Amino acid sequence: MGLLDHRRTWHYEVSAAPADCIRAFATAFNSRGGLRAKAKWSIRTGSDSATATYEGRQGLAAAAAVLSKTVTQETDTAIGSQVTFRINEVNGSRTRCSMALTAEGRSGIAGLLGHTSDAGVIRPYMQAVANEIRKLDPAAQIESA
């Protein structure tokens, strides 16, 4: 997975029920993350979509933010960023769904150049969705655009 994965729309075709796909998304965003990239998310789910809203860093990532004004500003502007997961189509036992960063914070000159605040913290959670989808269906088709 690449550095700009959080800027892409992810498409999944999986042999699983829509509710299982939404549960996989929620599980990924409720995971603890890595030591560096640990974050707090609020998850809102529905029958055909789910949204994870970024509430800030935790663990070592939060401690690092306290030590740096720049990191604190980046974290503060990232709070409220949202990742949305949608069920796009159900065809028999196959479900097509997608995920995208639908709201994001940007700060300073880096933000003017297109840098997403706390992308390094948000990205691993988005990447974890693919792992959870593959647990549902190891042959799932996963693409990004």
Protein backbone atom coordinates (compact mmCIF):
# COMPACT_ATOMS: atom_id res chain seq x y z
CA MET A 1 0.00 0.00 0.00
CA GLY A 2 1.21 3.45 -0.84
CA LEU A 3 1.59 6.84 0.72
CA LEU A 4 -1.47 8.31 -1.02
CA ASP A 5 -3.84 5.43 -0.28
CA HIS A 6 -5.99 7.70 1.90
CA ARG A 7 -6.68 9.93 -1.15
CA ARG A 8 -8.12 7.09 -3.24
CA THR A 9 -11.56 5.57 -3.42
CA TRP A 10 -11.38 1.88 -2.56
CA HIS A 11 -13.71 -0.59 -4.26
CA TYR A 12 -14.43 -4.07 -2.91
CA GLU A 13 -16.28 -6.99 -4.44
CA VAL A 14 -16.75 -9.65 -1.82
CA SER A 15 -18.74 -12.80 -1.29
CA ALA A 16 -20.41 -11.65 1.92
CA ALA A 17 -23.61 -10.03 3.13
CA PRO A 18 -23.74 -6.22 3.28
CA ALA A 19 -24.05 -6.31 7.08
CA ASP A 20 -20.85 -8.36 7.29
CA CYS A 21 -19.04 -5.84 5.09
CA ILE A 22 -20.15 -2.95 7.29
CA ARG A 23 -19.10 -4.91 10.37
CA ALA A 24 -15.66 -5.48 8.76
CA PHE A 25 -15.28 -1.71 8.24
CA ALA A 26 -16.27 -0.98 11.84
CA THR A 27 -13.90 -3.66 13.15
CA ALA A 28 -11.00 -2.12 11.22
CA PHE A 29 -11.67 1.34 12.67
CA ASN A 30 -12.21 -0.03 16.18
CA SER A 31 -8.84 -1.81 16.06
CA ARG A 32 -6.05 -0.50 18.18
CA GLY A 33 -3.84 0.50 15.25
CA GLY A 34 -0.07 0.40 15.56
CA LEU A 35 1.90 1.94 18.40
CA ARG A 36 2.71 4.98 16.28
CA ALA A 37 -0.59 5.31 14.46
CA LYS A 38 -3.10 4.73 17.21
CA ALA A 39 -6.22 6.86 16.93
CA LYS A 40 -9.67 7.25 18.40
CA TRP A 41 -12.66 6.96 16.07
CA SER A 42 -16.41 7.24 16.50
CA ILE A 43 -18.26 4.83 14.24
CA ARG A 44 -21.79 5.35 12.93
CA THR A 45 -23.33 2.45 11.03
CA GLY A 46 -26.50 2.01 9.01
CA SER A 47 -27.92 -0.71 6.80
CA ASP A 48 -26.05 0.43 3.69
CA SER A 49 -23.22 2.63 4.97
CA ALA A 50 -20.90 3.42 7.84
CA THR A 51 -18.82 6.45 8.76
CA ALA A 52 -15.74 6.64 10.95
CA THR A 53 -15.04 10.10 12.38
CA TYR A 54 -11.50 10.86 13.56
CA GLU A 55 -11.34 12.05 17.16
CA GLY A 56 -7.57 12.36 17.52
CA ARG A 57 -4.44 10.45 18.37
CA GLN A 58 -3.89 8.04 21.25
CA GLY A 59 -0.89 6.30 22.79
CA LEU A 60 2.60 7.27 21.61
CA ALA A 61 1.12 9.31 18.78
CA ALA A 62 -0.71 11.51 21.31
CA ALA A 63 2.41 11.86 23.45
CA ALA A 64 4.41 12.98 20.41
CA ALA A 65 1.76 15.57 19.60
CA VAL A 66 2.15 17.16 23.03
CA LEU A 67 5.86 17.70 22.33
CA SER A 68 5.41 19.47 19.01
CA LYS A 69 3.30 22.52 18.19
CA THR A 70 3.22 21.53 14.50
CA VAL A 71 2.02 18.02 15.28
CA THR A 72 -0.58 19.39 17.70
CA GLN A 73 -1.88 21.75 15.00
CA GLU A 74 -2.00 18.91 12.46
CA THR A 75 -3.88 16.69 14.90
CA ASP A 76 -6.32 19.46 15.78
CA THR A 77 -7.13 20.18 12.12
CA ALA A 78 -7.58 16.45 11.40
CA ILE A 79 -10.21 15.97 14.12
CA GLY A 80 -13.55 15.51 12.40
CA SER A 81 -12.06 13.89 9.28
CA GLN A 82 -14.38 11.18 8.04
CA VAL A 83 -14.01 7.92 6.18
CA THR A 84 -17.23 6.66 4.61
CA PHE A 85 -17.99 3.08 3.59
CA ARG A 86 -20.95 2.40 1.28
CA ILE A 87 -22.72 -0.66 -0.04
CA ASN A 88 -23.05 0.06 -3.77
CA GLU A 89 -24.67 -3.11 -5.10
CA VAL A 90 -25.78 -6.54 -3.99
CA ASN A 91 -25.98 -9.28 -6.61
CA GLY A 92 -26.86 -12.65 -5.12
CA SER A 93 -24.11 -13.54 -2.66
CA ARG A 94 -21.76 -10.82 -3.99
CA THR A 95 -21.57 -7.35 -2.48
CA ARG A 96 -19.88 -4.36 -4.08
CA CYS A 97 -18.88 -1.61 -1.73
CA SER A 98 -16.58 1.39 -1.61
CA MET A 99 -14.66 3.48 0.91
CA ALA A 100 -13.29 7.01 0.70
CA LEU A 101 -12.00 9.81 2.89
CA THR A 102 -15.00 12.12 2.56
CA ALA A 103 -13.97 14.91 4.93
CA GLU A 104 -10.43 15.88 5.83
CA GLY A 105 -8.47 18.53 7.64
CA ARG A 106 -5.58 20.46 6.15
CA SER A 107 -3.28 22.98 7.78
CA GLY A 108 -0.46 25.34 6.91
CA ILE A 109 1.56 25.38 3.72
CA ALA A 110 1.49 21.58 3.52
CA GLY A 111 -2.31 21.77 3.48
CA LEU A 112 -2.21 24.25 0.61
CA LEU A 113 -0.10 21.71 -1.28
CA GLY A 114 -2.72 19.01 -0.73
CA HIS A 115 -1.36 17.33 2.41
CA THR A 116 -4.06 15.73 4.56
CA SER A 117 -3.59 16.38 8.27
CA ASP A 118 -2.71 13.21 10.21
CA ALA A 119 -2.75 11.12 7.01
CA GLY A 120 -0.09 8.86 8.54
CA VAL A 121 -2.48 8.07 11.38
CA ILE A 122 -5.62 7.75 9.22
CA ARG A 123 -4.09 5.63 6.43
CA PRO A 124 -3.40 2.42 8.47
CA TYR A 125 -7.05 2.25 9.51
CA MET A 126 -8.19 2.55 5.90
CA GLN A 127 -5.68 -0.15 4.94
CA ALA A 128 -7.00 -2.39 7.73
CA VAL A 129 -10.39 -2.49 6.01
CA ALA A 130 -8.86 -4.61 3.20
CA ASN A 131 -7.57 -7.07 5.80
CA GLU A 132 -11.01 -7.37 7.38
CA ILE A 133 -12.68 -7.78 3.97
CA ARG A 134 -10.22 -10.57 3.12
CA LYS A 135 -11.19 -12.33 6.36
CA LEU A 136 -14.74 -12.43 4.98
CA ASP A 137 -13.62 -13.60 1.56
CA PRO A 138 -9.96 -14.42 0.82
CA ALA A 139 -10.78 -14.10 -2.91
CA ALA A 140 -12.28 -10.61 -2.56
CA GLN A 141 -11.47 -8.19 -5.38
CA ILE A 142 -9.97 -4.97 -4.06
CA GLU A 143 -9.10 -1.99 -6.26
CA SER A 144 -8.43 1.68 -5.81
CA ALA A 145 -8.87 4.66 -8.09
